[in-house]
């Protein structure tokens, strides 16, 4: 467990490993692998302060798997592990194994002219 506590609306993320194979089964050397854009949140700040001084809770929590852009955040090393510190605004999505309850199904109706 890292000894780093993010401040305000920042999160500490451990990148998930990049895929070793392509979809066709070809093994990739380290130089050909893309930087992973998925990670697991290992620590969070307390949330952003409003102008009145109240705290706004973060939309993510420790243990969430998230998506972020390739060049987001600040990379740091702690105890032999690499982490990223991201602002909450740099998080693109939360990866979840079950669909969200308010997700709409795509429409299958054809538009009439």
PDB file of N, CA and C in Angstrom:
ATOM      1  N   UNK A   1       0.846  -1.180   0.000  1.00  0.00           N
ATOM      2  CA  UNK A   1       0.000   0.000   0.000  1.00  0.00           C
ATOM      3  C   UNK A   1       0.887   1.237   0.000  1.00  0.00           C
ATOM      4  N   UNK A   2       0.659   2.147  -0.936  1.00  0.00           N
ATOM      5  CA  UNK A   2       1.497   3.347  -0.997  1.00  0.00           C
ATOM      6  C   UNK A   2       1.232   4.281   0.178  1.00  0.00           C
ATOM      7  N   UNK A   3       2.230   5.071   0.499  1.00  0.00           N
ATOM      8  CA  UNK A   3       2.114   6.043   1.595  1.00  0.00           C
ATOM      9  C   UNK A   3       1.781   7.418   1.050  1.00  0.00           C
ATOM     10  N   UNK A   4       1.042   7.474  -0.033  1.00  0.00           N
ATOM     11  CA  UNK A   4       0.704   8.728  -0.695  1.00  0.00           C
ATOM     12  C   UNK A   4      -0.787   8.977  -0.545  1.00  0.00           C
ATOM     13  N   UNK A   5      -1.156  10.153  -0.061  1.00  0.00           N
ATOM     14  CA  UNK A   5      -2.564  10.547   0.082  1.00  0.00           C
ATOM     15  C   UNK A   5      -2.820  11.714  -0.875  1.00  0.00           C
ATOM     16  N   UNK A   6      -3.600  11.493  -1.945  1.00  0.00           N
ATOM     17  CA  UNK A   6      -3.914  12.585  -2.870  1.00  0.00           C
ATOM     18  C   UNK A   6      -4.723  13.676  -2.166  1.00  0.00           C
ATOM     19  N   UNK A   7      -4.584  14.886  -2.626  1.00  0.00           N
ATOM     20  CA  UNK A   7      -5.309  16.018  -2.059  1.00  0.00           C
ATOM     21  C   UNK A   7      -6.501  16.404  -2.932  1.00  0.00           C
ATOM     22  N   UNK A   8      -7.486  16.998  -2.299  1.00  0.00           N
ATOM     23  CA  UNK A   8      -8.665  17.560  -2.967  1.00  0.00           C
ATOM     24  C   UNK A   8      -9.322  16.567  -3.917  1.00  0.00           C
ATOM     25  N   UNK A   9      -9.439  16.923  -5.231  1.00  0.00           N
ATOM     26  CA  UNK A   9     -10.158  16.060  -6.174  1.00  0.00           C
ATOM     27  C   UNK A   9      -9.202  15.201  -7.008  1.00  0.00           C
ATOM     28  N   UNK A  10      -8.102  14.789  -6.402  1.00  0.00           N
ATOM     29  CA  UNK A  10      -7.137  13.935  -7.094  1.00  0.00           C
ATOM     30  C   UNK A  10      -7.254  12.491  -6.607  1.00  0.00           C
ATOM     31  N   UNK A  11      -6.830  11.567  -7.483  1.00  0.00           N
ATOM     32  CA  UNK A  11      -6.846  10.148  -7.146  1.00  0.00           C
ATOM     33  C   UNK A  11      -5.495   9.540  -7.482  1.00  0.00           C
ATOM     34  N   UNK A  12      -5.117   8.495  -6.752  1.00  0.00           N
ATOM     35  CA  UNK A  12      -3.897   7.744  -7.002  1.00  0.00           C
ATOM     36  C   UNK A  12      -4.299   6.459  -7.706  1.00  0.00           C
ATOM     37  N   UNK A  13      -3.704   6.205  -8.879  1.00  0.00           N
ATOM     38  CA  UNK A  13      -4.114   5.094  -9.735  1.00  0.00           C
ATOM     39  C   UNK A  13      -2.924   4.194 -10.032  1.00  0.00           C
ATOM     40  N   UNK A  14      -3.161   2.896  -9.981  1.00  0.00           N
ATOM     41  CA  UNK A  14      -2.172   1.919 -10.411  1.00  0.00           C
ATOM     42  C   UNK A  14      -2.616   1.410 -11.781  1.00  0.00           C
ATOM     43  N   UNK A  15      -1.762   1.597 -12.789  1.00  0.00           N
ATOM     44  CA  UNK A  15      -2.113   1.165 -14.143  1.00  0.00           C
ATOM     45  C   UNK A  15      -2.288  -0.349 -14.200  1.00  0.00           C
ATOM     46  N   UNK A  16      -3.258  -0.798 -14.996  1.00  0.00           N
ATOM     47  CA  UNK A  16      -3.414  -2.222 -15.263  1.00  0.00           C
ATOM     48  C   UNK A  16      -2.475  -2.580 -16.410  1.00  0.00           C
ATOM     49  N   UNK A  17      -1.986  -3.800 -16.415  1.00  0.00           N
ATOM     50  CA  UNK A  17      -1.006  -4.228 -17.415  1.00  0.00           C
ATOM     51  C   UNK A  17      -1.568  -4.202 -18.829  1.00  0.00           C
ATOM     52  N   UNK A  18      -0.697  -3.843 -19.784  1.00  0.00           N
ATOM     53  CA  UNK A  18      -1.076  -3.852 -21.195  1.00  0.00           C
ATOM     54  C   UNK A  18      -1.170  -5.285 -21.686  1.00  0.00           C
ATOM     55  N   UNK A  19      -1.943  -5.477 -22.727  1.00  0.00           N
ATOM     56  CA  UNK A  19      -2.122  -6.810 -23.298  1.00  0.00           C
ATOM     57  C   UNK A  19      -0.812  -7.307 -23.902  1.00  0.00           C
ATOM     58  N   UNK A  20      -0.518  -8.577 -23.667  1.00  0.00           N
ATOM     59  CA  UNK A  20       0.708  -9.198 -24.186  1.00  0.00           C
ATOM     60  C   UNK A  20       0.514  -9.695 -25.619  1.00  0.00           C
ATOM     61  N   UNK A  21      -0.759  -9.898 -26.025  1.00  0.00           N
ATOM     62  CA  UNK A  21      -1.059 -10.448 -27.344  1.00  0.00           C
ATOM     63  C   UNK A  21      -2.035  -9.548 -28.083  1.00  0.00           C
ATOM     64  N   UNK A  22      -1.998  -9.637 -29.410  1.00  0.00           N
ATOM     65  CA  UNK A  22      -3.003  -8.968 -30.226  1.00  0.00           C
ATOM     66  C   UNK A  22      -4.242  -9.857 -30.273  1.00  0.00           C
ATOM     67  N   UNK A  23      -5.305  -9.362 -30.861  1.00  0.00           N
ATOM     68  CA  UNK A  23      -6.522 -10.164 -30.993  1.00  0.00           C
ATOM     69  C   UNK A  23      -6.276 -11.415 -31.835  1.00  0.00           C
ATOM     70  N   UNK A  24      -5.297 -11.354 -32.750  1.00  0.00           N
ATOM     71  CA  UNK A  24      -4.972 -12.500 -33.598  1.00  0.00           C
ATOM     72  C   UNK A  24      -4.006 -13.478 -32.950  1.00  0.00           C
ATOM     73  N   UNK A  25      -3.550 -13.192 -31.703  1.00  0.00           N
ATOM     74  CA  UNK A  25      -2.684 -14.114 -30.983  1.00  0.00           C
ATOM     75  C   UNK A  25      -1.194 -13.852 -31.141  1.00  0.00           C
ATOM     76  N   UNK A  26      -0.812 -12.724 -31.757  1.00  0.00           N
ATOM     77  CA  UNK A  26       0.605 -12.406 -31.939  1.00  0.00           C
ATOM     78  C   UNK A  26       1.140 -11.807 -30.644  1.00  0.00           C
ATOM     79  N   UNK A  27       2.263 -12.336 -30.148  1.00  0.00           N
ATOM     80  CA  UNK A  27       2.896 -11.810 -28.939  1.00  0.00           C
ATOM     81  C   UNK A  27       3.589 -10.487 -29.252  1.00  0.00           C
ATOM     82  N   UNK A  28       3.391  -9.499 -28.389  1.00  0.00           N
ATOM     83  CA  UNK A  28       3.978  -8.178 -28.595  1.00  0.00           C
ATOM     84  C   UNK A  28       5.216  -7.992 -27.734  1.00  0.00           C
ATOM     85  N   UNK A  29       6.296  -7.442 -28.304  1.00  0.00           N
ATOM     86  CA  UNK A  29       7.448  -7.089 -27.466  1.00  0.00           C
ATOM     87  C   UNK A  29       7.119  -5.844 -26.645  1.00  0.00           C
ATOM     88  N   UNK A  30       7.872  -5.608 -25.572  1.00  0.00           N
ATOM     89  CA  UNK A  30       7.606  -4.455 -24.710  1.00  0.00           C
ATOM     90  C   UNK A  30       7.616  -3.141 -25.474  1.00  0.00           C
ATOM     91  N   UNK A  31       8.482  -3.017 -26.478  1.00  0.00           N
ATOM     92  CA  UNK A  31       8.580  -1.767 -27.228  1.00  0.00           C
ATOM     93  C   UNK A  31       7.340  -1.483 -28.079  1.00  0.00           C
ATOM     94  N   UNK A  32       6.558  -2.508 -28.401  1.00  0.00           N
ATOM     95  CA  UNK A  32       5.371  -2.331 -29.238  1.00  0.00           C
ATOM     96  C   UNK A  32       4.088  -2.160 -28.436  1.00  0.00           C
ATOM     97  N   UNK A  33       4.135  -2.398 -27.139  1.00  0.00           N
ATOM     98  CA  UNK A  33       2.937  -2.284 -26.311  1.00  0.00           C
ATOM     99  C   UNK A  33       2.562  -0.822 -26.123  1.00  0.00           C
ATOM    100  N   UNK A  34       1.268  -0.552 -26.150  1.00  0.00           N
ATOM    101  CA  UNK A  34       0.769   0.790 -25.861  1.00  0.00           C
ATOM    102  C   UNK A  34       0.697   0.972 -24.349  1.00  0.00           C
ATOM    103  N   UNK A  35       0.810   2.242 -23.920  1.00  0.00           N
ATOM    104  CA  UNK A  35       0.644   2.509 -22.491  1.00  0.00           C
ATOM    105  C   UNK A  35      -0.797   2.174 -22.112  1.00  0.00           C
ATOM    106  N   UNK A  36      -0.986   1.425 -21.043  1.00  0.00           N
ATOM    107  CA  UNK A  36      -2.360   1.090 -20.647  1.00  0.00           C
ATOM    108  C   UNK A  36      -3.126   2.349 -20.236  1.00  0.00           C
ATOM    109  N   UNK A  37      -4.378   2.380 -20.600  1.00  0.00           N
ATOM    110  CA  UNK A  37      -5.231   3.519 -20.252  1.00  0.00           C
ATOM    111  C   UNK A  37      -6.327   3.091 -19.280  1.00  0.00           C
ATOM    112  N   UNK A  38      -6.085   1.995 -18.599  1.00  0.00           N
ATOM    113  CA  UNK A  38      -6.996   1.507 -17.573  1.00  0.00           C
ATOM    114  C   UNK A  38      -6.218   1.368 -16.284  1.00  0.00           C
ATOM    115  N   UNK A  39      -6.874   1.650 -15.183  1.00  0.00           N
ATOM    116  CA  UNK A  39      -6.199   1.512 -13.906  1.00  0.00           C
ATOM    117  C   UNK A  39      -7.180   1.308 -12.775  1.00  0.00           C
ATOM    118  N   UNK A  40      -6.621   0.968 -11.616  1.00  0.00           N
ATOM    119  CA  UNK A  40      -7.420   0.762 -10.411  1.00  0.00           C
ATOM    120  C   UNK A  40      -7.076   1.859  -9.422  1.00  0.00           C
ATOM    121  N   UNK A  41      -8.090   2.475  -8.846  1.00  0.00           N
ATOM    122  CA  UNK A  41      -7.888   3.549  -7.878  1.00  0.00           C
ATOM    123  C   UNK A  41      -7.452   2.941  -6.549  1.00  0.00           C
ATOM    124  N   UNK A  42      -6.307   3.407  -6.019  1.00  0.00           N
ATOM    125  CA  UNK A  42      -5.794   2.881  -4.756  1.00  0.00           C
ATOM    126  C   UNK A  42      -5.933   3.891  -3.614  1.00  0.00           C
ATOM    127  N   UNK A  43      -6.139   5.170  -3.921  1.00  0.00           N
ATOM    128  CA  UNK A  43      -6.370   6.181  -2.882  1.00  0.00           C
ATOM    129  C   UNK A  43      -7.055   7.384  -3.518  1.00  0.00           C
ATOM    130  N   UNK A  44      -7.848   8.101  -2.718  1.00  0.00           N
ATOM    131  CA  UNK A  44      -8.540   9.298  -3.208  1.00  0.00           C
ATOM    132  C   UNK A  44      -8.344  10.451  -2.238  1.00  0.00           C
ATOM    133  N   UNK A  45      -8.494  11.650  -2.770  1.00  0.00           N
ATOM    134  CA  UNK A  45      -8.507  12.838  -1.932  1.00  0.00           C
ATOM    135  C   UNK A  45      -9.876  12.994  -1.281  1.00  0.00           C
ATOM    136  N   UNK A  46     -10.049  14.085  -0.545  1.00  0.00           N
ATOM    137  CA  UNK A  46     -11.311  14.311   0.177  1.00  0.00           C
ATOM    138  C   UNK A  46     -12.382  14.976  -0.671  1.00  0.00           C
ATOM    139  N   UNK A  47     -12.044  15.425  -1.873  1.00  0.00           N
ATOM    140  CA  UNK A  47     -13.013  16.089  -2.742  1.00  0.00           C
ATOM    141  C   UNK A  47     -12.700  17.562  -2.885  1.00  0.00           C
ATOM    142  N   UNK A  48     -13.272  18.157  -3.915  1.00  0.00           N
ATOM    143  CA  UNK A  48     -13.045  19.567  -4.226  1.00  0.00           C
ATOM    144  C   UNK A  48     -13.830  20.447  -3.260  1.00  0.00           C
ATOM    145  N   UNK A  49     -13.261  21.588  -2.917  1.00  0.00           N
ATOM    146  CA  UNK A  49     -13.959  22.559  -2.062  1.00  0.00           C
ATOM    147  C   UNK A  49     -14.752  23.537  -2.920  1.00  0.00           C
ATOM    148  N   UNK A  50     -15.952  23.871  -2.454  1.00  0.00           N
ATOM    149  CA  UNK A  50     -16.757  24.887  -3.123  1.00  0.00           C
ATOM    150  C   UNK A  50     -16.323  26.256  -2.630  1.00  0.00           C
ATOM    151  N   UNK A  51     -16.878  27.290  -3.212  1.00  0.00           N
ATOM    152  CA  UNK A  51     -16.556  28.658  -2.782  1.00  0.00           C
ATOM    153  C   UNK A  51     -16.969  28.905  -1.330  1.00  0.00           C
ATOM    154  N   UNK A  52     -17.980  28.183  -0.862  1.00  0.00           N
ATOM    155  CA  UNK A  52     -18.445  28.324   0.520  1.00  0.00           C
ATOM    156  C   UNK A  52     -17.615  27.491   1.495  1.00  0.00           C
ATOM    157  N   UNK A  53     -16.687  26.664   0.959  1.00  0.00           N
ATOM    158  CA  UNK A  53     -15.839  25.851   1.822  1.00  0.00           C
ATOM    159  C   UNK A  53     -16.328  24.438   2.045  1.00  0.00           C
ATOM    160  N   UNK A  54     -17.475  24.079   1.451  1.00  0.00           N
ATOM    161  CA  UNK A  54     -17.998  22.712   1.580  1.00  0.00           C
ATOM    162  C   UNK A  54     -17.210  21.778   0.655  1.00  0.00           C
ATOM    163  N   UNK A  55     -17.183  20.498   0.998  1.00  0.00           N
ATOM    164  CA  UNK A  55     -16.516  19.495   0.170  1.00  0.00           C
ATOM    165  C   UNK A  55     -17.524  18.821  -0.750  1.00  0.00           C
ATOM    166  N   UNK A  56     -17.154  18.662  -2.020  1.00  0.00           N
ATOM    167  CA  UNK A  56     -17.955  17.894  -2.968  1.00  0.00           C
ATOM    168  C   UNK A  56     -17.331  16.512  -3.091  1.00  0.00           C
ATOM    169  N   UNK A  57     -18.105  15.493  -2.853  1.00  0.00           N
ATOM    170  CA  UNK A  57     -17.599  14.124  -2.893  1.00  0.00           C
ATOM    171  C   UNK A  57     -17.169  13.745  -4.306  1.00  0.00           C
ATOM    172  N   UNK A  58     -16.190  12.865  -4.398  1.00  0.00           N
ATOM    173  CA  UNK A  58     -15.732  12.378  -5.697  1.00  0.00           C
ATOM    174  C   UNK A  58     -16.737  11.398  -6.284  1.00  0.00           C
ATOM    175  N   UNK A  59     -16.725  11.258  -7.608  1.00  0.00           N
ATOM    176  CA  UNK A  59     -17.618  10.318  -8.291  1.00  0.00           C
ATOM    177  C   UNK A  59     -17.066   8.905  -8.293  1.00  0.00           C
ATOM    178  N   UNK A  60     -15.807   8.751  -7.897  1.00  0.00           N
ATOM    179  CA  UNK A  60     -15.137   7.450  -7.890  1.00  0.00           C
ATOM    180  C   UNK A  60     -14.690   7.122  -6.476  1.00  0.00           C
ATOM    181  N   UNK A  61     -14.368   5.853  -6.249  1.00  0.00           N
ATOM    182  CA  UNK A  61     -13.896   5.456  -4.927  1.00  0.00           C
ATOM    183  C   UNK A  61     -12.774   4.425  -5.065  1.00  0.00           C
ATOM    184  N   UNK A  62     -12.109   4.146  -3.958  1.00  0.00           N
ATOM    185  CA  UNK A  62     -11.011   3.187  -3.943  1.00  0.00           C
ATOM    186  C   UNK A  62     -11.516   1.824  -4.431  1.00  0.00           C
ATOM    187  N   UNK A  63     -10.770   1.208  -5.330  1.00  0.00           N
ATOM    188  CA  UNK A  63     -11.153  -0.090  -5.881  1.00  0.00           C
ATOM    189  C   UNK A  63     -11.801  -0.012  -7.243  1.00  0.00           C
ATOM    190  N   UNK A  64     -12.286   1.177  -7.649  1.00  0.00           N
ATOM    191  CA  UNK A  64     -12.899   1.329  -8.971  1.00  0.00           C
ATOM    192  C   UNK A  64     -11.855   1.149 -10.064  1.00  0.00           C
ATOM    193  N   UNK A  65     -12.253   0.518 -11.158  1.00  0.00           N
ATOM    194  CA  UNK A  65     -11.419   0.427 -12.349  1.00  0.00           C
ATOM    195  C   UNK A  65     -11.878   1.541 -13.278  1.00  0.00           C
ATOM    196  N   UNK A  66     -10.924   2.340 -13.772  1.00  0.00           N
ATOM    197  CA  UNK A  66     -11.270   3.524 -14.555  1.00  0.00           C
ATOM    198  C   UNK A  66     -10.534   3.538 -15.886  1.00  0.00           C
ATOM    199  N   UNK A  67     -11.027   4.374 -16.801  1.00  0.00           N
ATOM    200  CA  UNK A  67     -10.372   4.660 -18.074  1.00  0.00           C
ATOM    201  C   UNK A  67      -9.893   6.099 -18.040  1.00  0.00           C
ATOM    202  N   UNK A  68      -8.710   6.345 -18.633  1.00  0.00           N
ATOM    203  CA  UNK A  68      -8.167   7.700 -18.723  1.00  0.00           C
ATOM    204  C   UNK A  68      -7.361   7.799 -20.003  1.00  0.00           C
ATOM    205  N   UNK A  69      -7.040   9.003 -20.448  1.00  0.00           N
ATOM    206  CA  UNK A  69      -6.291   9.167 -21.689  1.00  0.00           C
ATOM    207  C   UNK A  69      -4.828   8.792 -21.489  1.00  0.00           C
ATOM    208  N   UNK A  70      -4.135   8.508 -22.574  1.00  0.00           N
ATOM    209  CA  UNK A  70      -2.750   8.024 -22.533  1.00  0.00           C
ATOM    210  C   UNK A  70      -1.794   8.960 -21.816  1.00  0.00           C
ATOM    211  N   UNK A  71      -1.996  10.254 -21.954  1.00  0.00           N
ATOM    212  CA  UNK A  71      -1.045  11.219 -21.399  1.00  0.00           C
ATOM    213  C   UNK A  71      -1.588  11.963 -20.182  1.00  0.00           C
ATOM    214  N   UNK A  72      -2.602  11.417 -19.551  1.00  0.00           N
ATOM    215  CA  UNK A  72      -3.203  12.061 -18.382  1.00  0.00           C
ATOM    216  C   UNK A  72      -2.350  11.838 -17.142  1.00  0.00           C
ATOM    217  N   UNK A  73      -2.450  12.752 -16.210  1.00  0.00           N
ATOM    218  CA  UNK A  73      -1.861  12.568 -14.897  1.00  0.00           C
ATOM    219  C   UNK A  73      -0.368  12.786 -14.799  1.00  0.00           C
ATOM    220  N   UNK A  74       0.136  12.577 -13.585  1.00  0.00           N
ATOM    221  CA  UNK A  74       1.550  12.704 -13.268  1.00  0.00           C
ATOM    222  C   UNK A  74       2.035  11.359 -12.757  1.00  0.00           C
ATOM    223  N   UNK A  75       3.067  10.813 -13.419  1.00  0.00           N
ATOM    224  CA  UNK A  75       3.607   9.508 -13.030  1.00  0.00           C
ATOM    225  C   UNK A  75       4.562   9.673 -11.853  1.00  0.00           C
ATOM    226  N   UNK A  76       4.447   8.780 -10.873  1.00  0.00           N
ATOM    227  CA  UNK A  76       5.341   8.783  -9.716  1.00  0.00           C
ATOM    228  C   UNK A  76       5.721   7.347  -9.383  1.00  0.00           C
ATOM    229  N   UNK A  77       6.820   7.182  -8.653  1.00  0.00           N
ATOM    230  CA  UNK A  77       7.232   5.861  -8.175  1.00  0.00           C
ATOM    231  C   UNK A  77       7.254   5.886  -6.659  1.00  0.00           C
ATOM    232  N   UNK A  78       6.740   4.806  -6.065  1.00  0.00           N
ATOM    233  CA  UNK A  78       6.697   4.671  -4.606  1.00  0.00           C
ATOM    234  C   UNK A  78       6.869   3.206  -4.275  1.00  0.00           C
ATOM    235  N   UNK A  79       7.876   2.879  -3.514  1.00  0.00           N
ATOM    236  CA  UNK A  79       8.084   1.502  -3.073  1.00  0.00           C
ATOM    237  C   UNK A  79       8.244   0.505  -4.205  1.00  0.00           C
ATOM    238  N   UNK A  80       8.866   0.907  -5.318  1.00  0.00           N
ATOM    239  CA  UNK A  80       9.081   0.006  -6.442  1.00  0.00           C
ATOM    240  C   UNK A  80       7.893  -0.129  -7.384  1.00  0.00           C
ATOM    241  N   UNK A  81       6.809   0.565  -7.119  1.00  0.00           N
ATOM    242  CA  UNK A  81       5.626   0.525  -7.984  1.00  0.00           C
ATOM    243  C   UNK A  81       5.446   1.881  -8.656  1.00  0.00           C
ATOM    244  N   UNK A  82       4.859   1.857  -9.861  1.00  0.00           N
ATOM    245  CA  UNK A  82       4.540   3.098 -10.566  1.00  0.00           C
ATOM    246  C   UNK A  82       3.064   3.412 -10.388  1.00  0.00           C
ATOM    247  N   UNK A  83       2.784   4.665 -10.119  1.00  0.00           N
ATOM    248  CA  UNK A  83       1.410   5.145  -9.941  1.00  0.00           C
ATOM    249  C   UNK A  83       1.209   6.392 -10.771  1.00  0.00           C
ATOM    250  N   UNK A  84      -0.047   6.771 -10.946  1.00  0.00           N
ATOM    251  CA  UNK A  84      -0.421   8.042 -11.563  1.00  0.00           C
ATOM    252  C   UNK A  84      -1.257   8.822 -10.575  1.00  0.00           C
ATOM    253  N   UNK A  85      -1.037  10.123 -10.541  1.00  0.00           N
ATOM    254  CA  UNK A  85      -1.944  11.004  -9.804  1.00  0.00           C
ATOM    255  C   UNK A  85      -2.753  11.744 -10.850  1.00  0.00           C
ATOM    256  N   UNK A  86      -4.080  11.553 -10.805  1.00  0.00           N
ATOM    257  CA  UNK A  86      -4.995  12.157 -11.774  1.00  0.00           C
ATOM    258  C   UNK A  86      -5.950  13.109 -11.076  1.00  0.00           C
ATOM    259  N   UNK A  87      -6.326  14.185 -11.766  1.00  0.00           N
ATOM    260  CA  UNK A  87      -7.455  14.998 -11.325  1.00  0.00           C
ATOM    261  C   UNK A  87      -8.719  14.220 -11.672  1.00  0.00           C
ATOM    262  N   UNK A  88      -9.763  14.401 -10.906  1.00  0.00           N
ATOM    263  CA  UNK A  88     -11.012  13.686 -11.192  1.00  0.00           C
ATOM    264  C   UNK A  88     -11.497  14.004 -12.609  1.00  0.00           C
ATOM    265  N   UNK A  89     -11.256  15.206 -13.088  1.00  0.00           N
ATOM    266  CA  UNK A  89     -11.684  15.601 -14.432  1.00  0.00           C
ATOM    267  C   UNK A  89     -10.958  14.875 -15.549  1.00  0.00           C
ATOM    268  N   UNK A  90      -9.821  14.234 -15.256  1.00  0.00           N
ATOM    269  CA  UNK A  90      -9.077  13.482 -16.266  1.00  0.00           C
ATOM    270  C   UNK A  90      -9.589  12.053 -16.418  1.00  0.00           C
ATOM    271  N   UNK A  91     -10.475  11.640 -15.531  1.00  0.00           N
ATOM    272  CA  UNK A  91     -11.056  10.291 -15.602  1.00  0.00           C
ATOM    273  C   UNK A  91     -12.164  10.312 -16.641  1.00  0.00           C
ATOM    274  N   UNK A  92     -12.076   9.396 -17.609  1.00  0.00           N
ATOM    275  CA  UNK A  92     -13.050   9.360 -18.696  1.00  0.00           C
ATOM    276  C   UNK A  92     -14.268   8.503 -18.382  1.00  0.00           C
ATOM    277  N   UNK A  93     -14.060   7.385 -17.652  1.00  0.00           N
ATOM    278  CA  UNK A  93     -15.173   6.477 -17.380  1.00  0.00           C
ATOM    279  C   UNK A  93     -14.800   5.499 -16.275  1.00  0.00           C
ATOM    280  N   UNK A  94     -15.825   4.916 -15.679  1.00  0.00           N
ATOM    281  CA  UNK A  94     -15.660   3.823 -14.719  1.00  0.00           C
ATOM    282  C   UNK A  94     -16.009   2.542 -15.453  1.00  0.00           C
ATOM    283  N   UNK A  95     -15.162   1.539 -15.343  1.00  0.00           N
ATOM    284  CA  UNK A  95     -15.420   0.239 -15.976  1.00  0.00           C
ATOM    285  C   UNK A  95     -16.187  -0.611 -14.981  1.00  0.00           C
ATOM    286  N   UNK A  96     -17.335  -1.128 -15.415  1.00  0.00           N
ATOM    287  CA  UNK A  96     -18.179  -1.921 -14.536  1.00  0.00           C
ATOM    288  C   UNK A  96     -18.593  -3.189 -15.269  1.00  0.00           C
ATOM    289  N   UNK A  97     -18.691  -4.295 -14.558  1.00  0.00           N
ATOM    290  CA  UNK A  97     -19.053  -5.567 -15.186  1.00  0.00           C
ATOM    291  C   UNK A  97     -20.546  -5.679 -15.458  1.00  0.00           C
ATOM    292  N   UNK A  98     -21.349  -4.885 -14.798  1.00  0.00           N
ATOM    293  CA  UNK A  98     -22.796  -4.936 -15.031  1.00  0.00           C
ATOM    294  C   UNK A  98     -23.248  -3.609 -15.641  1.00  0.00           C
ATOM    295  N   UNK A  99     -24.301  -3.625 -16.457  1.00  0.00           N
ATOM    296  CA  UNK A  99     -24.755  -2.383 -17.086  1.00  0.00           C
ATOM    297  C   UNK A  99     -25.333  -1.417 -16.056  1.00  0.00           C
ATOM    298  N   UNK A 100     -25.209  -0.150 -16.344  1.00  0.00           N
ATOM    299  CA  UNK A 100     -25.777   0.864 -15.457  1.00  0.00           C
ATOM    300  C   UNK A 100     -27.295   0.861 -15.607  1.00  0.00           C
ATOM    301  N   UNK A 101     -28.028   1.089 -14.520  1.00  0.00           N
ATOM    302  CA  UNK A 101     -29.487   0.971 -14.566  1.00  0.00           C
ATOM    303  C   UNK A 101     -30.172   1.958 -15.501  1.00  0.00           C
ATOM    304  N   UNK A 102     -29.586   3.120 -15.739  1.00  0.00           N
ATOM    305  CA  UNK A 102     -30.250   4.116 -16.576  1.00  0.00           C
ATOM    306  C   UNK A 102     -29.758   4.079 -18.021  1.00  0.00           C
ATOM    307  N   UNK A 103     -28.972   3.063 -18.379  1.00  0.00           N
ATOM    308  CA  UNK A 103     -28.474   2.956 -19.747  1.00  0.00           C
ATOM    309  C   UNK A 103     -29.640   2.645 -20.682  1.00  0.00           C
ATOM    310  N   UNK A 104     -29.708   3.363 -21.787  1.00  0.00           N
ATOM    311  CA  UNK A 104     -30.784   3.141 -22.747  1.00  0.00           C
ATOM    312  C   UNK A 104     -30.310   2.178 -23.818  1.00  0.00           C
ATOM    313  N   UNK A 105     -31.241   1.340 -24.246  1.00  0.00           N
ATOM    314  CA  UNK A 105     -30.926   0.422 -25.333  1.00  0.00           C
ATOM    315  C   UNK A 105     -30.969   1.209 -26.639  1.00  0.00           C
ATOM    316  N   UNK A 106     -30.103   0.846 -27.597  1.00  0.00           N
ATOM    317  CA  UNK A 106     -30.129   1.550 -28.875  1.00  0.00           C
ATOM    318  C   UNK A 106     -31.457   1.331 -29.590  1.00  0.00           C
ATOM    319  N   UNK A 107     -31.901   2.358 -30.247  1.00  0.00           N
ATOM    320  CA  UNK A 107     -33.163   2.290 -30.967  1.00  0.00           C
ATOM    321  C   UNK A 107     -32.983   1.461 -32.239  1.00  0.00           C
ATOM    322  N   UNK A 108     -33.938   0.581 -32.510  1.00  0.00           N
ATOM    323  CA  UNK A 108     -33.881  -0.255 -33.729  1.00  0.00           C
ATOM    324  C   UNK A 108     -34.875   0.222 -34.768  1.00  0.00           C
ATOM    325  N   UNK A 109     -35.597   1.286 -34.475  1.00  0.00           N
ATOM    326  CA  UNK A 109     -36.579   1.814 -35.425  1.00  0.00           C
ATOM    327  C   UNK A 109     -35.855   2.542 -36.556  1.00  0.00           C
ATOM    328  N   UNK A 110     -36.382   2.347 -37.768  1.00  0.00           N
ATOM    329  CA  UNK A 110     -35.845   3.065 -38.906  1.00  0.00           C
ATOM    330  C   UNK A 110     -36.606   4.361 -39.073  1.00  0.00           C
ATOM    331  N   UNK A 111     -35.882   5.396 -39.447  1.00  0.00           N
ATOM    332  CA  UNK A 111     -36.541   6.683 -39.690  1.00  0.00           C
ATOM    333  C   UNK A 111     -37.295   6.638 -41.002  1.00  0.00           C
ATOM    334  N   UNK A 112     -38.520   7.119 -40.993  1.00  0.00           N
ATOM    335  CA  UNK A 112     -39.302   7.154 -42.227  1.00  0.00           C
ATOM    336  C   UNK A 112     -39.118   8.504 -42.894  1.00  0.00           C
ATOM    337  N   UNK A 113     -39.118   8.506 -44.207  1.00  0.00           N
ATOM    338  CA  UNK A 113     -38.926   9.748 -44.970  1.00  0.00           C
ATOM    339  C   UNK A 113     -40.221  10.335 -45.392  1.00  0.00           C
TER     340      UNK A 113
END
